C-alpha atoms as a PDB file:
ATOM      1  CA  MET A   1     -12.320 -11.509 -11.951  1.00  0.00           C
ATOM      2  CA  ALA A   2     -10.526 -11.601  -8.156  1.00  0.00           C
ATOM      3  CA  PRO A   3     -12.518 -10.777  -5.120  1.00  0.00           C
ATOM      4  CA  PRO A   4     -12.005  -7.583  -3.373  1.00  0.00           C
ATOM      5  CA  PHE A   5      -9.408  -6.521  -0.854  1.00  0.00           C
ATOM      6  CA  VAL A   6     -10.533  -5.739   2.201  1.00  0.00           C
ATOM      7  CA  PHE A   7      -8.249  -3.772   4.850  1.00  0.00           C
ATOM      8  CA  PRO A   8      -7.611  -6.841   7.313  1.00  0.00           C
ATOM      9  CA  HIS A   9      -6.506  -5.706  10.939  1.00  0.00           C
ATOM     10  CA  THR A  10      -3.260  -6.401  10.739  1.00  0.00           C
ATOM     11  CA  LEU A  11      -0.657  -7.596   7.890  1.00  0.00           C
ATOM     12  CA  THR A  12      -0.950 -11.282   8.787  1.00  0.00           C
ATOM     13  CA  SER A  13      -4.389 -11.436   9.102  1.00  0.00           C
ATOM     14  CA  LEU A  14      -4.355 -11.850   5.704  1.00  0.00           C
ATOM     15  CA  GLU A  15      -2.796 -15.164   6.015  1.00  0.00           C
ATOM     16  CA  GLU A  16      -4.300 -16.173   9.368  1.00  0.00           C
ATOM     17  CA  ASP A  17      -8.089 -15.349   7.998  1.00  0.00           C
ATOM     18  CA  ASN A  18      -7.676 -17.209   4.681  1.00  0.00           C
ATOM     19  CA  ASP A  19     -10.942 -16.863   3.158  1.00  0.00           C
ATOM     20  CA  SER A  20     -11.955 -20.670   1.177  1.00  0.00           C
ATOM     21  CA  ASP A  21     -15.247 -19.261  -0.285  1.00  0.00           C
ATOM     22  CA  TYR A  22     -13.343 -16.556  -2.204  1.00  0.00           C
ATOM     23  CA  THR A  23     -15.503 -13.412  -1.369  1.00  0.00           C
ATOM     24  CA  ARG A  24     -12.863 -11.139  -0.463  1.00  0.00           C
ATOM     25  CA  LEU A  25      -9.265 -11.301  -1.250  1.00  0.00           C
ATOM     26  CA  THR A  26      -6.789 -13.263   1.192  1.00  0.00           C
ATOM     27  CA  VAL A  27      -3.367 -15.094   1.125  1.00  0.00           C
ATOM     28  CA  GLN A  28      -3.681 -18.659  -0.212  1.00  0.00           C
ATOM     29  CA  ASN A  29      -0.151 -19.990  -0.651  1.00  0.00           C
ATOM     30  CA  PRO A  30       2.141 -17.878   1.388  1.00  0.00           C
ATOM     31  CA  PHE A  31       6.139 -18.400   0.276  1.00  0.00           C
ATOM     32  CA  PRO A  32       8.553 -19.394   3.152  1.00  0.00           C
ATOM     33  CA  LEU A  33      11.328 -16.725   2.276  1.00  0.00           C
ATOM     34  CA  SER A  34      13.434 -19.032   4.964  1.00  0.00           C
ATOM     35  CA  SER A  35      13.999 -21.863   2.630  1.00  0.00           C
ATOM     36  CA  LEU A  36      15.566 -19.878   0.235  1.00  0.00           C
ATOM     37  CA  ARG A  37      19.419 -19.306  -0.002  1.00  0.00           C
ATOM     38  CA  PRO A  38      20.439 -15.501  -0.420  1.00  0.00           C
ATOM     39  CA  PRO A  39      20.723 -15.982  -4.246  1.00  0.00           C
ATOM     40  CA  GLU A  40      17.772 -17.807  -4.492  1.00  0.00           C
ATOM     41  CA  LEU A  41      15.966 -14.963  -2.620  1.00  0.00           C
ATOM     42  CA  GLU A  42      17.431 -12.237  -5.025  1.00  0.00           C
ATOM     43  CA  GLU A  43      16.060 -14.119  -7.761  1.00  0.00           C
ATOM     44  CA  PHE A  44      12.762 -14.309  -6.303  1.00  0.00           C
ATOM     45  CA  VAL A  45      12.299 -10.822  -5.434  1.00  0.00           C
ATOM     46  CA  LYS A  46      13.334 -10.261  -9.021  1.00  0.00           C
ATOM     47  CA  GLY A  47      10.898 -12.538 -10.784  1.00  0.00           C
ATOM     48  CA  VAL A  48       8.087 -10.335  -8.539  1.00  0.00           C
ATOM     49  CA  SER A  49       9.558  -6.758  -9.394  1.00  0.00           C
ATOM     50  CA  PHE A  50       9.572  -8.311 -12.959  1.00  0.00           C
ATOM     51  CA  ASP A  51       5.581  -9.627 -13.130  1.00  0.00           C
ATOM     52  CA  LEU A  52       5.015  -6.257 -11.325  1.00  0.00           C
ATOM     53  CA  SER A  53       6.357  -3.913 -14.442  1.00  0.00           C
ATOM     54  CA  ASP A  54       5.840  -6.162 -17.308  1.00  0.00           C
ATOM     55  CA  LYS A  55       2.190  -6.928 -16.466  1.00  0.00           C
ATOM     56  CA  GLU A  56      -1.020  -4.460 -16.125  1.00  0.00           C
ATOM     57  CA  LEU A  57      -0.772  -2.434 -13.123  1.00  0.00           C
ATOM     58  CA  PHE A  58      -3.290  -4.395 -11.189  1.00  0.00           C
ATOM     59  CA  CYS A  59      -1.707  -7.885 -11.842  1.00  0.00           C
ATOM     60  CA  VAL A  60      -0.908  -7.185  -8.020  1.00  0.00           C
ATOM     61  CA  GLU A  61      -4.569  -8.151  -7.201  1.00  0.00           C
ATOM     62  CA  GLU A  62      -3.717 -11.931  -9.082  1.00  0.00           C
ATOM     63  CA  GLN A  63      -3.642 -14.708  -6.570  1.00  0.00           C
ATOM     64  CA  GLU A  64      -0.384 -15.865  -7.352  1.00  0.00           C
ATOM     65  CA  VAL A  65       1.184 -12.560  -7.513  1.00  0.00           C
ATOM     66  CA  PHE A  66      -0.681 -11.071  -4.626  1.00  0.00           C
ATOM     67  CA  ASP A  67       0.593 -14.265  -2.337  1.00  0.00           C
ATOM     68  CA  ARG A  68       4.469 -13.390  -3.344  1.00  0.00           C
ATOM     69  CA  VAL A  69       4.619 -10.097  -2.444  1.00  0.00           C
ATOM     70  CA  TYR A  70       2.651 -10.656   0.450  1.00  0.00           C
ATOM     71  CA  SER A  71       5.212 -13.371   1.558  1.00  0.00           C
ATOM     72  CA  LEU A  72       8.043 -10.500   0.899  1.00  0.00           C
ATOM     73  CA  VAL A  73       6.626  -7.641   2.580  1.00  0.00           C
ATOM     74  CA  LYS A  74       6.083 -10.139   5.566  1.00  0.00           C
ATOM     75  CA  GLY A  75       9.857 -10.974   5.182  1.00  0.00           C
ATOM     76  CA  PHE A  76      11.000  -7.237   4.410  1.00  0.00           C
ATOM     77  CA  ALA A  77      12.975  -6.994   7.351  1.00  0.00           C
ATOM     78  CA  SER A  78      15.259  -9.671   6.347  1.00  0.00           C
ATOM     79  CA  LEU A  79      15.841  -8.881   3.012  1.00  0.00           C
ATOM     80  CA  SER A  80      19.112  -7.553   1.311  1.00  0.00           C
ATOM     81  CA  PRO A  81      18.980  -3.666   1.020  1.00  0.00           C
ATOM     82  CA  GLY A  82      19.428  -4.653  -2.726  1.00  0.00           C
ATOM     83  CA  CYS A  83      16.206  -6.758  -2.315  1.00  0.00           C
ATOM     84  CA  LYS A  84      14.433  -4.272  -0.127  1.00  0.00           C
ATOM     85  CA  LEU A  85      15.063  -1.520  -2.984  1.00  0.00           C
ATOM     86  CA  ASN A  86      13.614  -3.747  -5.713  1.00  0.00           C
ATOM     87  CA  LEU A  87      10.531  -4.263  -3.952  1.00  0.00           C
ATOM     88  CA  VAL A  88      10.033  -0.926  -2.770  1.00  0.00           C
ATOM     89  CA  GLU A  89      10.678   0.653  -6.111  1.00  0.00           C
ATOM     90  CA  SER A  90       8.172  -1.782  -7.908  1.00  0.00           C
ATOM     91  CA  LEU A  91       4.989  -1.177  -5.956  1.00  0.00           C
ATOM     92  CA  ARG A  92       5.788   2.700  -5.322  1.00  0.00           C
ATOM     93  CA  SER A  93       5.941   3.024  -9.283  1.00  0.00           C
ATOM     94  CA  ASN A  94       3.009   0.972 -10.323  1.00  0.00           C
ATOM     95  CA  LEU A  95       1.047   3.200  -7.301  1.00  0.00           C
ATOM     96  CA  SER A  96       2.165   6.273  -8.625  1.00  0.00           C
ATOM     97  CA  VAL A  97       1.239   5.456 -12.041  1.00  0.00           C
ATOM     98  CA  LEU A  98      -1.857   3.824 -11.178  1.00  0.00           C
ATOM     99  CA  LEU A  99      -2.976   7.369  -9.620  1.00  0.00           C
ATOM    100  CA  PRO A 100      -3.455   9.239 -13.029  1.00  0.00           C
ATOM    101  CA  ASN A 101      -4.822   6.217 -14.550  1.00  0.00           C
ATOM    102  CA  VAL A 102      -7.921   6.983 -12.215  1.00  0.00           C
ATOM    103  CA  ASP A 103      -8.956   9.983 -14.041  1.00  0.00           C
ATOM    104  CA  SER A 104      -8.678   8.530 -17.312  1.00  0.00           C
ATOM    105  CA  LEU A 105     -11.173   5.865 -16.252  1.00  0.00           C
ATOM    106  CA  SER A 106     -13.699   8.578 -15.472  1.00  0.00           C
ATOM    107  CA  ARG A 107     -13.222   9.942 -18.987  1.00  0.00           C
ATOM    108  CA  SER A 108     -13.623   6.551 -20.498  1.00  0.00           C
ATOM    109  CA  GLY A 109     -17.065   6.245 -18.446  1.00  0.00           C
ATOM    110  CA  SER A 110     -18.018   9.587 -19.757  1.00  0.00           C
ATOM    111  CA  PHE A 111     -17.040   8.613 -23.513  1.00  0.00           C
ATOM    112  CA  LEU A 112     -19.536   5.327 -23.262  1.00  0.00           C
ATOM    113  CA  SER A 113     -22.385   7.975 -21.748  1.00  0.00           C
ATOM    114  CA  ARG A 114     -22.205  10.156 -24.706  1.00  0.00           C
ATOM    115  CA  ASP A 115     -21.890   7.996 -27.441  1.00  0.00           C
ATOM    116  CA  GLY A 116     -25.079   6.985 -28.991  1.00  0.00           C
ATOM    117  CA  GLY A 117     -23.185   4.854 -32.373  1.00  0.00           C
ATOM    118  CA  HIS A 118     -23.576   1.457 -30.020  1.00  0.00           C
ATOM    119  CA  ASP A 119     -26.753  -0.528 -29.546  1.00  0.00           C
ATOM    120  CA  GLU A 120     -28.177  -1.821 -26.049  1.00  0.00           C
ATOM    121  CA  SER A 121     -25.900  -4.419 -25.894  1.00  0.00           C
ATOM    122  CA  ASP A 122     -22.935  -2.995 -26.856  1.00  0.00           C
ATOM    123  CA  GLU A 123     -23.129  -0.228 -24.381  1.00  0.00           C
ATOM    124  CA  ARG A 124     -24.282  -2.488 -21.375  1.00  0.00           C
ATOM    125  CA  GLY A 125     -20.717  -4.365 -22.290  1.00  0.00           C
ATOM    126  CA  GLY A 126     -19.341  -1.835 -22.254  1.00  0.00           C
ATOM    127  CA  GLU A 127     -20.380   0.005 -19.184  1.00  0.00           C
ATOM    128  CA  GLN A 128     -19.345  -4.016 -17.433  1.00  0.00           C
ATOM    129  CA  LEU A 129     -15.719  -3.503 -19.189  1.00  0.00           C
ATOM    130  CA  VAL A 130     -15.388  -0.242 -17.253  1.00  0.00           C
ATOM    131  CA  ALA A 131     -16.776  -1.310 -13.758  1.00  0.00           C
ATOM    132  CA  ASP A 132     -14.198  -4.501 -14.212  1.00  0.00           C
ATOM    133  CA  ARG A 133     -11.742  -2.119 -14.761  1.00  0.00           C
ATOM    134  CA  VAL A 134     -12.489   0.769 -12.186  1.00  0.00           C
ATOM    135  CA  ALA A 135     -13.169  -2.766  -9.794  1.00  0.00           C
ATOM    136  CA  SER A 136      -9.548  -4.086 -10.510  1.00  0.00           C
ATOM    137  CA  HIS A 137      -7.943  -0.380 -10.121  1.00  0.00           C
ATOM    138  CA  ARG A 138      -9.660  -0.100  -6.673  1.00  0.00           C
ATOM    139  CA  ASN A 139      -8.074  -3.430  -5.784  1.00  0.00           C
ATOM    140  CA  ALA A 140      -4.674  -2.335  -6.996  1.00  0.00           C
ATOM    141  CA  PHE A 141      -5.026   0.943  -5.243  1.00  0.00           C
ATOM    142  CA  LYS A 142      -6.127  -0.286  -2.043  1.00  0.00           C
ATOM    143  CA  ILE A 143      -3.293  -3.060  -2.577  1.00  0.00           C
ATOM    144  CA  TYR A 144      -0.566  -1.146  -3.031  1.00  0.00           C
ATOM    145  CA  THR A 145      -1.275   1.523  -0.296  1.00  0.00           C
ATOM    146  CA  PHE A 146      -1.740  -1.168   2.581  1.00  0.00           C
ATOM    147  CA  PHE A 147       1.857  -2.779   1.438  1.00  0.00           C
ATOM    148  CA  LEU A 148       3.938   0.232   0.829  1.00  0.00           C
ATOM    149  CA  VAL A 149       2.307   1.526   4.911  1.00  0.00           C
ATOM    150  CA  HIS A 150       3.318  -1.698   6.245  1.00  0.00           C
ATOM    151  CA  ILE A 151       6.741  -1.707   4.467  1.00  0.00           C
ATOM    152  CA  VAL A 152       6.734   1.669   6.612  1.00  0.00           C
ATOM    153  CA  LEU A 153       5.558   0.679   9.678  1.00  0.00           C
ATOM    154  CA  ILE A 154       7.793  -2.542   9.276  1.00  0.00           C
ATOM    155  CA  GLU A 155      11.173  -0.766   8.442  1.00  0.00           C
ATOM    156  CA  GLU A 156      10.520   2.198  11.321  1.00  0.00           C
ATOM    157  CA  SER A 157      10.215  -0.726  13.509  1.00  0.00           C
ATOM    158  CA  SER A 158      13.548  -2.259  12.616  1.00  0.00           C
ATOM    159  CA  SER A 159      15.502   1.178  12.382  1.00  0.00           C
ATOM    160  CA  SER A 160      13.887   1.860  16.065  1.00  0.00           C
ATOM    161  CA  SER A 161      15.385  -1.843  16.968  1.00  0.00           C
ATOM    162  CA  VAL A 162      18.779  -1.211  15.616  1.00  0.00           C
ATOM    163  CA  ASN A 163      18.814   2.524  16.776  1.00  0.00           C
ATOM    164  CA  ASN A 164      19.012   1.123  20.476  1.00  0.00           C
ATOM    165  CA  ALA A 165      21.092  -1.718  19.975  1.00  0.00           C
ATOM    166  CA  THR A 166      23.859   0.510  18.220  1.00  0.00           C
ATOM    167  CA  LYS A 167      23.639   2.883  21.566  1.00  0.00           C
ATOM    168  CA  VAL A 168      24.737   0.063  23.587  1.00  0.00           C
ATOM    169  CA  VAL A 169      26.980  -1.981  21.342  1.00  0.00           C
ATOM    170  CA  ALA A 170      29.902   0.150  19.338  1.00  0.00           C
ATOM    171  CA  SER A 171      30.847  -2.515  17.107  1.00  0.00           C
ATOM    172  CA  SER A 172      27.079  -3.038  16.048  1.00  0.00           C
ATOM    173  CA  ARG A 173      27.069   0.397  14.514  1.00  0.00           C
ATOM    174  CA  LYS A 174      29.892  -0.465  12.207  1.00  0.00           C
ATOM    175  CA  LYS A 175      28.384  -3.708  11.175  1.00  0.00           C
ATOM    176  CA  GLN A 176      24.949  -1.612  10.768  1.00  0.00           C
ATOM    177  CA  SER A 177      26.683   0.714   8.582  1.00  0.00           C
ATOM    178  CA  VAL A 178      27.576  -1.821   6.455  1.00  0.00           C
ATOM    179  CA  ASN A 179      24.444  -3.674   5.824  1.00  0.00           C
ATOM    180  CA  SER A 180      22.047  -0.992   6.198  1.00  0.00           C
ATOM    181  CA  TRP A 181      20.329   0.926   3.085  1.00  0.00           C
ATOM    182  CA  ASN A 182      19.326   4.565   2.025  1.00  0.00           C
ATOM    183  CA  TRP A 183      15.893   4.412   3.843  1.00  0.00           C
ATOM    184  CA  GLU A 184      15.025   7.800   4.143  1.00  0.00           C
ATOM    185  CA  PRO A 185      14.592   9.130   0.770  1.00  0.00           C
ATOM    186  CA  GLN A 186      12.692   5.673   0.271  1.00  0.00           C
ATOM    187  CA  ARG A 187      10.271   6.460   3.647  1.00  0.00           C
ATOM    188  CA  GLY A 188       9.678  10.166   2.313  1.00  0.00           C
ATOM    189  CA  ARG A 189       8.803   8.938  -1.372  1.00  0.00           C
ATOM    190  CA  ILE A 190       6.546   6.539   0.013  1.00  0.00           C
ATOM    191  CA  MET A 191       4.915   8.866   2.423  1.00  0.00           C
ATOM    192  CA  ASN A 192       4.170  11.637  -0.359  1.00  0.00           C
ATOM    193  CA  LEU A 193       2.723   9.239  -2.736  1.00  0.00           C
ATOM    194  CA  ILE A 194       0.136   8.294  -0.260  1.00  0.00           C
ATOM    195  CA  SER A 195      -0.434  11.661   0.613  1.00  0.00           C
ATOM    196  CA  ASN A 196      -0.850  12.433  -3.389  1.00  0.00           C
ATOM    197  CA  SER A 197      -3.499   9.249  -3.579  1.00  0.00           C
ATOM    198  CA  LEU A 198      -5.808  10.709  -1.584  1.00  0.00           C
ATOM    199  CA  GLU A 199      -6.251  13.702  -3.703  1.00  0.00           C
ATOM    200  CA  ILE A 200      -7.313  11.360  -7.200  1.00  0.00           C
ATOM    201  CA  ASN A 201     -10.829  10.429  -7.642  1.00  0.00           C
ATOM    202  CA  LEU A 202     -11.797   8.511  -4.750  1.00  0.00           C
ATOM    203  CA  SER A 203     -15.477   8.893  -5.626  1.00  0.00           C
ATOM    204  CA  LEU A 204     -14.932   6.930  -8.922  1.00  0.00           C
ATOM    205  CA  LEU A 205     -12.901   4.490  -7.463  1.00  0.00           C
ATOM    206  CA  PHE A 206     -15.412   3.773  -4.542  1.00  0.00           C
ATOM    207  CA  GLY A 207     -18.623   4.620  -6.177  1.00  0.00           C
ATOM    208  CA  SER A 208     -19.632   7.197  -3.854  1.00  0.00           C
ATOM    209  CA  SER A 209     -19.255  10.439  -2.483  1.00  0.00           C
ATOM    210  CA  ASP A 210     -17.511   8.911   0.641  1.00  0.00           C
ATOM    211  CA  PRO A 211     -14.266   7.166   0.436  1.00  0.00           C
ATOM    212  CA  ASP A 212     -14.639   3.709   1.726  1.00  0.00           C
ATOM    213  CA  GLU A 213     -14.462   3.109   5.904  1.00  0.00           C
ATOM    214  CA  ASN A 214     -12.487   0.354   5.712  1.00  0.00           C
ATOM    215  CA  TYR A 215      -9.784   2.431   3.882  1.00  0.00           C
ATOM    216  CA  LEU A 216      -9.937   5.619   5.668  1.00  0.00           C
ATOM    217  CA  SER A 217      -9.737   3.238   9.080  1.00  0.00           C
ATOM    218  CA  PHE A 218      -6.377   2.062   7.870  1.00  0.00           C
ATOM    219  CA  ILE A 219      -5.045   5.597   6.480  1.00  0.00           C
ATOM    220  CA  MET A 220      -6.192   7.244   9.885  1.00  0.00           C
ATOM    221  CA  LYS A 221      -4.605   4.225  12.510  1.00  0.00           C
ATOM    222  CA  ASN A 222      -1.362   4.491  10.912  1.00  0.00           C
ATOM    223  CA  ALA A 223      -1.512   8.031  10.509  1.00  0.00           C
ATOM    224  CA  PHE A 224      -1.863   7.970  14.308  1.00  0.00           C
ATOM    225  CA  LEU A 225       1.337   5.469  14.749  1.00  0.00           C
ATOM    226  CA  MET A 226       3.725   7.470  12.425  1.00  0.00           C
ATOM    227  CA  PHE A 227       3.195  10.738  14.229  1.00  0.00           C
ATOM    228  CA  GLU A 228       4.492   9.107  17.272  1.00  0.00           C
ATOM    229  CA  ASN A 229       7.140   8.222  15.457  1.00  0.00           C
ATOM    230  CA  ALA A 230       9.838  10.534  16.518  1.00  0.00           C
ATOM    231  CA  LEU A 231      12.595   9.583  14.535  1.00  0.00           C
ATOM    232  CA  LEU A 232      10.079   9.576  11.245  1.00  0.00           C
ATOM    233  CA  LEU A 233       9.305  13.308  12.355  1.00  0.00           C
ATOM    234  CA  LYS A 234      12.901  14.571  12.111  1.00  0.00           C
ATOM    235  CA  ASP A 235      12.302  13.813   8.643  1.00  0.00           C
ATOM    236  CA  SER A 236      11.023  16.637   7.008  1.00  0.00           C
ATOM    237  CA  ASP A 237       9.516  15.119   3.855  1.00  0.00           C
ATOM    238  CA  ALA A 238       7.841  12.576   6.004  1.00  0.00           C
ATOM    239  CA  LYS A 239       6.399  14.955   8.263  1.00  0.00           C
ATOM    240  CA  ASP A 240       5.201  17.208   5.785  1.00  0.00           C
ATOM    241  CA  ALA A 241       3.621  14.665   4.084  1.00  0.00           C
ATOM    242  CA  LEU A 242       1.370  13.431   7.429  1.00  0.00           C
ATOM    243  CA  PRO A 243      -0.658  16.545   7.383  1.00  0.00           C
ATOM    244  CA  TYR A 244      -2.364  15.475   4.764  1.00  0.00           C
ATOM    245  CA  ASN A 245      -3.741  12.295   5.706  1.00  0.00           C
ATOM    246  CA  TRP A 246      -4.605  13.930   8.826  1.00  0.00           C
ATOM    247  CA  ASP A 247      -6.717  16.173   6.848  1.00  0.00           C
ATOM    248  CA  MET A 248      -8.295  13.767   4.498  1.00  0.00           C
ATOM    249  CA  CYS A 249      -9.860  11.860   7.169  1.00  0.00           C
ATOM    250  CA  TYR A 250     -11.170  14.778   8.877  1.00  0.00           C
ATOM    251  CA  GLU A 251     -13.271  15.602   5.765  1.00  0.00           C
ATOM    252  CA  VAL A 252     -15.536  12.802   6.650  1.00  0.00           C
ATOM    253  CA  PRO A 253     -17.204  13.919  10.252  1.00  0.00           C
ATOM    254  CA  LEU A 254     -17.614  10.218  11.450  1.00  0.00           C
ATOM    255  CA  TYR A 255     -14.097  10.041  11.609  1.00  0.00           C
ATOM    256  CA  SER A 256     -13.386  13.441  12.794  1.00  0.00           C
ATOM    257  CA  THR A 257     -15.379  12.435  16.031  1.00  0.00           C
ATOM    258  CA  ILE A 258     -13.786   9.269  16.039  1.00  0.00           C
ATOM    259  CA  MET A 259     -10.371  10.322  15.589  1.00  0.00           C
ATOM    260  CA  CYS A 260     -11.057  13.183  18.287  1.00  0.00           C
ATOM    261  CA  PHE A 261     -12.291  10.642  20.783  1.00  0.00           C
ATOM    262  CA  HIS A 262      -9.458   8.733  20.423  1.00  0.00           C
ATOM    263  CA  SER A 263      -6.167  11.471  20.728  1.00  0.00           C
ATOM    264  CA  ALA A 264      -8.122  13.794  23.172  1.00  0.00           C
ATOM    265  CA  PRO A 265      -6.569  12.022  26.274  1.00  0.00           C
ATOM    266  CA  ASP A 266      -2.867  11.837  25.666  1.00  0.00           C
ATOM    267  CA  SER A 267      -2.518  13.559  21.893  1.00  0.00           C
ATOM    268  CA  GLN A 268       1.221  14.780  22.164  1.00  0.00           C
ATOM    269  CA  ILE A 269       0.797  16.410  18.293  1.00  0.00           C
END
């Protein structure tokens, strides 16, 4: 069973804060994408996408898969449009399938508690199996969320840089139109999926009535960043998804206090 995933301060902290004791999931062997030629990189992305689609949903917590996905997300800005789409679709699809599975885990736990036909050792084994699967689903839920949100942040940063450059150099605009990919629909799908993920049975995943503070802090921090992005707010799908993230954080008193404290001085929302 993989160690728990803890949201780091930054994406690259997963690599810099390497945990040799395996008390939490970190990157052990980042892959140098710059060493690959374009055809090789395309095959690398296809291999990662195949693993994500062919294995169980929580295969993303497996060390090798985790390291490869991290490497692709870290180098996302340099990927070709086709590679970007492949990776985004694989991560988004898996998270969208994972969400309803949480309810099925809840039903499995209820079934075990009602079933009196097994001896005590069988019952303990069944409960442990459910507990292990819940832990794996929790890890996968957090990992998919983390990587998808960082893809949004990376792509938005890249898009802003390109937009600024095209205002200065007309030829860059023509070049960008050739090399660009249709990011806006993907962004809207990711944002809505993250919003929907806040509505599942989080108490089952996190083991209490209050979601994990580490998880909520991550959602809250990046919701703030996205609210400050004028280009993102022009996308109605992405903009409509943001209030759900905001409201979810406000349901927890501690985070309501923190959010008010940080946003009061210069909030433009």
